[in-house]
Amino acid sequence: MNKKCIIFPLMLVFLLAAPSWAQEDGNASSPVDAANESNQSAPSALNLNYIWSFSGIEAGPVSMAIDQEGSDLFIRAKYEADGENAWNAEGTGSVEGDQVELSMAAQKEDKMVVTKMTGTYANDTINGNFTQTSGGQKVGGGQFSAMWISPGTSSYTPAVIEAEIEETTVPAAVNTTSSTETVQEPKSRFVDVRTYKDKIGPGGDLSGVPPGMGGSGLN
C-alpha cells in the first residue's frame, strides 16, 4: 500500500480534531480561577456597624451599638429615660442578606430579661418583631423599628446605673449610766441620847453633849 495514502488521512483527522481540543482547553478553568469567581459572586454582608436607636421595645428609645465582624454582630445596648430605671445590655447577632437577628440580655431591677429580635434591613432601617423572656417565661413582645444615628461605635457610652442607697437608721444612744441620787433625810430635832452615851460624864455630866440636847432632852 502506498504510504502517502495512509499519511494523508491521518493528517486530516488531526486537523479536524484540533479545534475541538482547543475549545475544551479554553472551557476548562483552573482551581484558582474557580475560587476567584466564587469569591466575586458571593455577596458581602451588610454593614451594620453603627449606633442605632430602637423604638417599640421600651416606652422610650433604646440605644444600641453594633460592632461587626463579617456576618457576626456584637451588641451593647442601654436604656435611660426620665422617671424610669436605666439598664445596660449585651448580646450577639448575625446578618445574612437583608435578614438581621439580634439577641441581648439586660438586668432589669431584680430579674434578667432576654430580648430576641428578628428583622429585615432596608433603606438604612431595620424593622421586625421581638420577644422578651425572663425565668423561662415570655414577658413581652411586639414590633420594633430601628434607624442608625451615628456611624461607628466609638462614641457609645453605657448608661449610668445609680446604686440604691439604703438609709440606715441609727438608733438613739441609750444612756445606761444610772445616776445615784442621794436623798438626804431632814434631821430630827429629837436626838437619841444613847448615841452620846460615851460623852456623858460621871454623875450625869452632859458637857459632851451638843448644845440644845442637854438635860431637857433627857426628861
C-alpha atoms as a PDB file:
ATOM      1  CA  MET A   1       0.000   0.000   0.000  1.00  0.00           C
ATOM      2  CA  ASN A   2       1.213   3.489  -0.755  1.00  0.00           C
ATOM      3  CA  LYS A   3       2.383   5.237   2.435  1.00  0.00           C
ATOM      4  CA  LYS A   4       1.082   8.555   1.198  1.00  0.00           C
ATOM      5  CA  CYS A   5      -2.414   7.138   1.144  1.00  0.00           C
ATOM      6  CA  ILE A   6      -2.103   6.346   4.859  1.00  0.00           C
ATOM      7  CA  ILE A   7      -0.423   9.600   5.996  1.00  0.00           C
ATOM      8  CA  PHE A   8      -2.878  11.987   4.378  1.00  0.00           C
ATOM      9  CA  PRO A   9      -5.995  10.551   6.093  1.00  0.00           C
ATOM     10  CA  LEU A  10      -4.218  10.675   9.485  1.00  0.00           C
ATOM     11  CA  MET A  11      -3.229  14.295   8.978  1.00  0.00           C
ATOM     12  CA  LEU A  12      -6.807  15.095   8.062  1.00  0.00           C
ATOM     13  CA  VAL A  13      -8.048  13.536  11.328  1.00  0.00           C
ATOM     14  CA  PHE A  14      -5.622  15.625  13.399  1.00  0.00           C
ATOM     15  CA  LEU A  15      -6.576  18.802  11.605  1.00  0.00           C
ATOM     16  CA  LEU A  16     -10.260  18.217  12.182  1.00  0.00           C
ATOM     17  CA  ALA A  17      -9.828  17.316  15.867  1.00  0.00           C
ATOM     18  CA  ALA A  18      -7.502  20.195  16.789  1.00  0.00           C
ATOM     19  CA  PRO A  19     -10.196  22.950  17.040  1.00  0.00           C
ATOM     20  CA  SER A  20     -12.355  20.842  19.362  1.00  0.00           C
ATOM     21  CA  TRP A  21      -9.385  20.115  21.632  1.00  0.00           C
ATOM     22  CA  ALA A  22      -8.549  23.804  21.770  1.00  0.00           C
ATOM     23  CA  GLN A  23     -12.142  24.647  22.668  1.00  0.00           C
ATOM     24  CA  GLU A  24     -12.133  22.110  25.518  1.00  0.00           C
ATOM     25  CA  ASP A  25      -8.902  23.561  26.892  1.00  0.00           C
ATOM     26  CA  GLY A  26     -10.400  27.037  26.759  1.00  0.00           C
ATOM     27  CA  ASN A  27     -13.520  25.972  28.617  1.00  0.00           C
ATOM     28  CA  ALA A  28     -11.562  24.243  31.379  1.00  0.00           C
ATOM     29  CA  SER A  29     -10.638  26.636  34.231  1.00  0.00           C
ATOM     30  CA  SER A  30      -8.021  26.244  36.917  1.00  0.00           C
ATOM     31  CA  PRO A  31      -8.973  25.849  40.610  1.00  0.00           C
ATOM     32  CA  VAL A  32      -7.629  29.353  41.313  1.00  0.00           C
ATOM     33  CA  ASP A  33      -9.876  30.877  38.659  1.00  0.00           C
ATOM     34  CA  ALA A  34     -12.863  28.986  40.036  1.00  0.00           C
ATOM     35  CA  ALA A  35     -12.147  30.239  43.570  1.00  0.00           C
ATOM     36  CA  ASN A  36     -11.834  33.829  42.389  1.00  0.00           C
ATOM     37  CA  GLU A  37     -15.109  33.594  40.523  1.00  0.00           C
ATOM     38  CA  SER A  38     -16.767  32.151  43.626  1.00  0.00           C
ATOM     39  CA  ASN A  39     -15.453  34.979  45.838  1.00  0.00           C
ATOM     40  CA  GLN A  40     -16.573  37.601  43.370  1.00  0.00           C
ATOM     41  CA  SER A  41     -20.055  36.152  43.095  1.00  0.00           C
ATOM     42  CA  ALA A  42     -20.572  35.818  46.892  1.00  0.00           C
ATOM     43  CA  PRO A  43     -22.399  38.923  48.160  1.00  0.00           C
ATOM     44  CA  SER A  44     -20.707  40.825  51.000  1.00  0.00           C
ATOM     45  CA  ALA A  45     -22.551  41.198  54.328  1.00  0.00           C
ATOM     46  CA  LEU A  46     -24.427  44.392  55.048  1.00  0.00           C
ATOM     47  CA  ASN A  47     -22.530  46.948  57.082  1.00  0.00           C
ATOM     48  CA  LEU A  48     -24.441  47.464  60.332  1.00  0.00           C
ATOM     49  CA  ASN A  49     -21.501  48.908  62.286  1.00  0.00           C
ATOM     50  CA  TYR A  50     -23.419  51.896  63.656  1.00  0.00           C
ATOM     51  CA  ILE A  51     -25.113  53.226  66.757  1.00  0.00           C
ATOM     52  CA  TRP A  52     -28.823  52.569  66.375  1.00  0.00           C
ATOM     53  CA  SER A  53     -31.968  53.884  68.016  1.00  0.00           C
ATOM     54  CA  PHE A  54     -34.618  51.190  68.591  1.00  0.00           C
ATOM     55  CA  SER A  55     -38.251  52.073  69.237  1.00  0.00           C
ATOM     56  CA  GLY A  56     -41.079  49.796  70.309  1.00  0.00           C
ATOM     57  CA  ILE A  57     -39.128  47.696  72.811  1.00  0.00           C
ATOM     58  CA  GLU A  58     -39.447  50.127  75.733  1.00  0.00           C
ATOM     59  CA  ALA A  59     -41.553  53.204  76.404  1.00  0.00           C
ATOM     60  CA  GLY A  60     -38.621  55.306  75.197  1.00  0.00           C
ATOM     61  CA  PRO A  61     -35.815  54.750  72.674  1.00  0.00           C
ATOM     62  CA  VAL A  62     -33.163  52.095  73.248  1.00  0.00           C
ATOM     63  CA  SER A  63     -29.649  52.968  72.058  1.00  0.00           C
ATOM     64  CA  MET A  64     -27.665  50.087  70.603  1.00  0.00           C
ATOM     65  CA  ALA A  65     -24.066  49.946  69.386  1.00  0.00           C
ATOM     66  CA  ILE A  66     -23.434  47.148  66.882  1.00  0.00           C
ATOM     67  CA  ASP A  67     -19.848  46.072  66.197  1.00  0.00           C
ATOM     68  CA  GLN A  68     -19.465  43.779  63.213  1.00  0.00           C
ATOM     69  CA  GLU A  69     -17.018  41.118  62.080  1.00  0.00           C
ATOM     70  CA  GLY A  70     -18.198  39.722  58.768  1.00  0.00           C
ATOM     71  CA  SER A  71     -21.693  38.425  59.374  1.00  0.00           C
ATOM     72  CA  ASP A  72     -21.264  38.277  63.177  1.00  0.00           C
ATOM     73  CA  LEU A  73     -22.694  41.104  65.267  1.00  0.00           C
ATOM     74  CA  PHE A  74     -21.772  42.126  68.814  1.00  0.00           C
ATOM     75  CA  ILE A  75     -24.237  44.248  70.760  1.00  0.00           C
ATOM     76  CA  ARG A  76     -24.079  46.819  73.533  1.00  0.00           C
ATOM     77  CA  ALA A  77     -27.352  48.490  74.406  1.00  0.00           C
ATOM     78  CA  LYS A  78     -28.703  50.887  77.012  1.00  0.00           C
ATOM     79  CA  TYR A  79     -31.965  52.394  78.156  1.00  0.00           C
ATOM     80  CA  GLU A  80     -32.138  55.608  80.147  1.00  0.00           C
ATOM     81  CA  ALA A  81     -35.353  57.591  80.352  1.00  0.00           C
ATOM     82  CA  ASP A  82     -36.577  60.161  82.836  1.00  0.00           C
ATOM     83  CA  GLY A  83     -38.520  58.620  85.666  1.00  0.00           C
ATOM     84  CA  GLU A  84     -37.618  55.038  84.732  1.00  0.00           C
ATOM     85  CA  ASN A  85     -34.940  52.602  85.822  1.00  0.00           C
ATOM     86  CA  ALA A  86     -31.939  52.616  83.494  1.00  0.00           C
ATOM     87  CA  TRP A  87     -30.289  49.405  82.284  1.00  0.00           C
ATOM     88  CA  ASN A  88     -27.424  48.152  80.155  1.00  0.00           C
ATOM     89  CA  ALA A  89     -27.424  45.063  77.945  1.00  0.00           C
ATOM     90  CA  GLU A  90     -25.010  42.933  75.944  1.00  0.00           C
ATOM     91  CA  GLY A  91     -25.590  40.348  73.246  1.00  0.00           C
ATOM     92  CA  THR A  92     -24.783  38.936  69.836  1.00  0.00           C
ATOM     93  CA  GLY A  93     -26.405  38.630  66.444  1.00  0.00           C
ATOM     94  CA  SER A  94     -25.913  37.876  62.780  1.00  0.00           C
ATOM     95  CA  VAL A  95     -26.778  39.237  59.364  1.00  0.00           C
ATOM     96  CA  GLU A  96     -27.419  37.183  56.236  1.00  0.00           C
ATOM     97  CA  GLY A  97     -28.551  39.010  53.160  1.00  0.00           C
ATOM     98  CA  ASP A  98     -31.076  41.537  54.406  1.00  0.00           C
ATOM     99  CA  GLN A  99     -32.116  39.402  57.383  1.00  0.00           C
ATOM    100  CA  VAL A 100     -30.908  40.516  60.813  1.00  0.00           C
ATOM    101  CA  GLU A 101     -31.075  38.564  64.081  1.00  0.00           C
ATOM    102  CA  LEU A 102     -30.200  40.111  67.443  1.00  0.00           C
ATOM    103  CA  SER A 103     -30.323  38.807  70.994  1.00  0.00           C
ATOM    104  CA  MET A 104     -29.398  40.682  74.176  1.00  0.00           C
ATOM    105  CA  ALA A 105     -29.707  40.234  77.946  1.00  0.00           C
ATOM    106  CA  ALA A 106     -30.329  43.027  80.456  1.00  0.00           C
ATOM    107  CA  GLN A 107     -30.606  43.133  84.228  1.00  0.00           C
ATOM    108  CA  LYS A 108     -33.855  44.969  84.926  1.00  0.00           C
ATOM    109  CA  GLU A 109     -34.292  45.614  88.621  1.00  0.00           C
ATOM    110  CA  ASP A 110     -34.364  42.146  90.212  1.00  0.00           C
ATOM    111  CA  LYS A 111     -34.662  39.981  87.076  1.00  0.00           C
ATOM    112  CA  MET A 112     -32.716  39.130  83.932  1.00  0.00           C
ATOM    113  CA  VAL A 113     -34.623  39.820  80.706  1.00  0.00           C
ATOM    114  CA  VAL A 114     -33.561  38.392  77.326  1.00  0.00           C
ATOM    115  CA  THR A 115     -34.770  40.181  74.192  1.00  0.00           C
ATOM    116  CA  LYS A 116     -34.596  38.413  70.825  1.00  0.00           C
ATOM    117  CA  MET A 117     -35.175  40.403  67.630  1.00  0.00           C
ATOM    118  CA  THR A 118     -35.572  39.327  64.016  1.00  0.00           C
ATOM    119  CA  GLY A 119     -35.909  41.935  61.304  1.00  0.00           C
ATOM    120  CA  THR A 120     -35.290  42.999  57.732  1.00  0.00           C
ATOM    121  CA  TYR A 121     -32.842  45.705  56.695  1.00  0.00           C
ATOM    122  CA  ALA A 122     -33.956  48.209  54.061  1.00  0.00           C
ATOM    123  CA  ASN A 123     -33.298  51.901  53.438  1.00  0.00           C
ATOM    124  CA  ASP A 124     -30.992  52.312  56.459  1.00  0.00           C
ATOM    125  CA  THR A 125     -33.613  50.909  58.841  1.00  0.00           C
ATOM    126  CA  ILE A 126     -34.357  47.563  60.466  1.00  0.00           C
ATOM    127  CA  ASN A 127     -37.960  46.554  61.055  1.00  0.00           C
ATOM    128  CA  GLY A 128     -39.192  43.356  62.646  1.00  0.00           C
ATOM    129  CA  ASN A 129     -40.529  41.594  65.718  1.00  0.00           C
ATOM    130  CA  PHE A 130     -39.137  40.949  69.182  1.00  0.00           C
ATOM    131  CA  THR A 131     -39.823  38.570  72.056  1.00  0.00           C
ATOM    132  CA  GLN A 132     -38.805  39.024  75.688  1.00  0.00           C
ATOM    133  CA  THR A 133     -38.333  36.197  78.182  1.00  0.00           C
ATOM    134  CA  SER A 134     -37.371  36.019  81.841  1.00  0.00           C
ATOM    135  CA  GLY A 135     -37.033  32.965  84.036  1.00  0.00           C
ATOM    136  CA  GLY A 136     -38.190  30.715  81.211  1.00  0.00           C
ATOM    137  CA  GLN A 137     -41.408  32.693  80.732  1.00  0.00           C
ATOM    138  CA  LYS A 138     -42.453  35.082  77.989  1.00  0.00           C
ATOM    139  CA  VAL A 139     -42.797  38.556  79.482  1.00  0.00           C
ATOM    140  CA  GLY A 140     -43.201  40.739  76.396  1.00  0.00           C
ATOM    141  CA  GLY A 141     -43.159  41.040  72.646  1.00  0.00           C
ATOM    142  CA  GLY A 142     -44.220  43.107  69.676  1.00  0.00           C
ATOM    143  CA  GLN A 143     -42.818  45.035  66.757  1.00  0.00           C
ATOM    144  CA  PHE A 144     -39.742  47.231  66.660  1.00  0.00           C
ATOM    145  CA  SER A 145     -38.157  49.703  64.305  1.00  0.00           C
ATOM    146  CA  ALA A 146     -34.539  50.855  64.271  1.00  0.00           C
ATOM    147  CA  MET A 147     -32.577  53.531  62.449  1.00  0.00           C
ATOM    148  CA  TRP A 148     -28.885  54.280  62.693  1.00  0.00           C
ATOM    149  CA  ILE A 149     -27.993  57.600  64.319  1.00  0.00           C
ATOM    150  CA  SER A 150     -24.181  57.591  64.308  1.00  0.00           C
ATOM    151  CA  PRO A 151     -21.552  55.912  62.102  1.00  0.00           C
ATOM    152  CA  GLY A 152     -19.178  53.694  64.038  1.00  0.00           C
ATOM    153  CA  THR A 153     -19.483  52.899  67.732  1.00  0.00           C
ATOM    154  CA  SER A 154     -16.585  54.800  69.326  1.00  0.00           C
ATOM    155  CA  SER A 155     -18.885  57.470  70.773  1.00  0.00           C
ATOM    156  CA  TYR A 156     -21.120  54.972  72.570  1.00  0.00           C
ATOM    157  CA  THR A 157     -21.201  55.187  76.371  1.00  0.00           C
ATOM    158  CA  PRO A 158     -23.160  52.898  78.719  1.00  0.00           C
ATOM    159  CA  ALA A 159     -25.953  54.127  80.941  1.00  0.00           C
ATOM    160  CA  VAL A 160     -25.105  55.238  84.461  1.00  0.00           C
ATOM    161  CA  ILE A 161     -26.856  52.967  86.931  1.00  0.00           C
ATOM    162  CA  GLU A 162     -27.489  54.681  90.254  1.00  0.00           C
ATOM    163  CA  ALA A 163     -26.964  52.270  93.113  1.00  0.00           C
ATOM    164  CA  GLU A 164     -29.814  52.142  95.529  1.00  0.00           C
ATOM    165  CA  ILE A 165     -28.749  53.729  98.790  1.00  0.00           C
ATOM    166  CA  GLU A 166     -30.399  52.174 101.762  1.00  0.00           C
ATOM    167  CA  GLU A 167     -30.923  54.650 104.529  1.00  0.00           C
ATOM    168  CA  THR A 168     -29.597  53.187 107.727  1.00  0.00           C
ATOM    169  CA  THR A 169     -31.465  54.406 110.795  1.00  0.00           C
ATOM    170  CA  VAL A 170     -29.068  54.859 113.686  1.00  0.00           C
ATOM    171  CA  PRO A 171     -30.863  54.230 116.990  1.00  0.00           C
ATOM    172  CA  ALA A 172     -30.537  56.947 119.573  1.00  0.00           C
ATOM    173  CA  ALA A 173     -27.878  56.188 122.131  1.00  0.00           C
ATOM    174  CA  VAL A 174     -29.333  54.992 125.384  1.00  0.00           C
ATOM    175  CA  ASN A 175     -27.642  56.334 128.465  1.00  0.00           C
ATOM    176  CA  THR A 176     -27.108  53.257 130.530  1.00  0.00           C
ATOM    177  CA  THR A 177     -25.293  55.120 133.250  1.00  0.00           C
ATOM    178  CA  SER A 178     -27.581  55.237 136.212  1.00  0.00           C
ATOM    179  CA  SER A 179     -27.282  58.256 138.366  1.00  0.00           C
ATOM    180  CA  THR A 180     -27.496  57.631 142.039  1.00  0.00           C
ATOM    181  CA  GLU A 181     -29.444  60.276 143.748  1.00  0.00           C
ATOM    182  CA  THR A 182     -28.620  60.745 147.352  1.00  0.00           C
ATOM    183  CA  VAL A 183     -31.647  61.696 149.316  1.00  0.00           C
ATOM    184  CA  GLN A 184     -30.816  63.449 152.466  1.00  0.00           C
ATOM    185  CA  GLU A 185     -33.400  62.979 155.105  1.00  0.00           C
ATOM    186  CA  PRO A 186     -34.073  66.010 157.276  1.00  0.00           C
ATOM    187  CA  LYS A 187     -32.519  65.770 160.684  1.00  0.00           C
ATOM    188  CA  SER A 188     -34.929  65.311 163.536  1.00  0.00           C
ATOM    189  CA  ARG A 189     -34.749  67.781 166.383  1.00  0.00           C
ATOM    190  CA  PHE A 190     -35.057  64.843 168.746  1.00  0.00           C
ATOM    191  CA  VAL A 191     -31.823  63.005 169.359  1.00  0.00           C
ATOM    192  CA  ASP A 192     -31.413  59.599 170.824  1.00  0.00           C
ATOM    193  CA  VAL A 193     -29.087  60.272 173.744  1.00  0.00           C
ATOM    194  CA  ARG A 194     -27.936  56.689 173.562  1.00  0.00           C
ATOM    195  CA  THR A 195     -25.703  57.705 170.692  1.00  0.00           C
ATOM    196  CA  TYR A 196     -23.890  60.019 173.061  1.00  0.00           C
ATOM    197  CA  LYS A 197     -23.553  57.631 175.986  1.00  0.00           C
ATOM    198  CA  ASP A 198     -19.790  57.763 175.741  1.00  0.00           C
ATOM    199  CA  LYS A 199     -19.867  61.548 176.055  1.00  0.00           C
ATOM    200  CA  ILE A 200     -21.911  61.662 179.233  1.00  0.00           C
ATOM    201  CA  GLY A 201     -19.604  62.055 182.163  1.00  0.00           C
ATOM    202  CA  PRO A 202     -19.903  60.609 185.654  1.00  0.00           C
ATOM    203  CA  GLY A 203     -22.808  61.871 187.653  1.00  0.00           C
ATOM    204  CA  GLY A 204     -24.735  62.787 184.507  1.00  0.00           C
ATOM    205  CA  ASP A 205     -22.302  65.399 183.237  1.00  0.00           C
ATOM    206  CA  LEU A 206     -23.696  66.457 179.850  1.00  0.00           C
ATOM    207  CA  SER A 207     -20.841  68.697 178.791  1.00  0.00           C
ATOM    208  CA  GLY A 208     -20.001  66.355 175.928  1.00  0.00           C
ATOM    209  CA  VAL A 209     -23.499  66.504 174.510  1.00  0.00           C
ATOM    210  CA  PRO A 210     -24.113  69.078 171.702  1.00  0.00           C
ATOM    211  CA  PRO A 211     -25.883  72.282 172.759  1.00  0.00           C
ATOM    212  CA  GLY A 212     -29.643  72.078 172.850  1.00  0.00           C
ATOM    213  CA  MET A 213     -29.557  68.397 173.654  1.00  0.00           C
ATOM    214  CA  GLY A 214     -28.987  68.768 177.367  1.00  0.00           C
ATOM    215  CA  GLY A 215     -30.958  67.646 180.287  1.00  0.00           C
ATOM    216  CA  SER A 216     -34.261  68.872 178.929  1.00  0.00           C
ATOM    217  CA  GLY A 217     -33.982  66.346 176.173  1.00  0.00           C
ATOM    218  CA  LEU A 218     -33.490  63.563 178.664  1.00  0.00           C
ATOM    219  CA  ASN A 219     -36.595  64.238 180.673  1.00  0.00           C
END
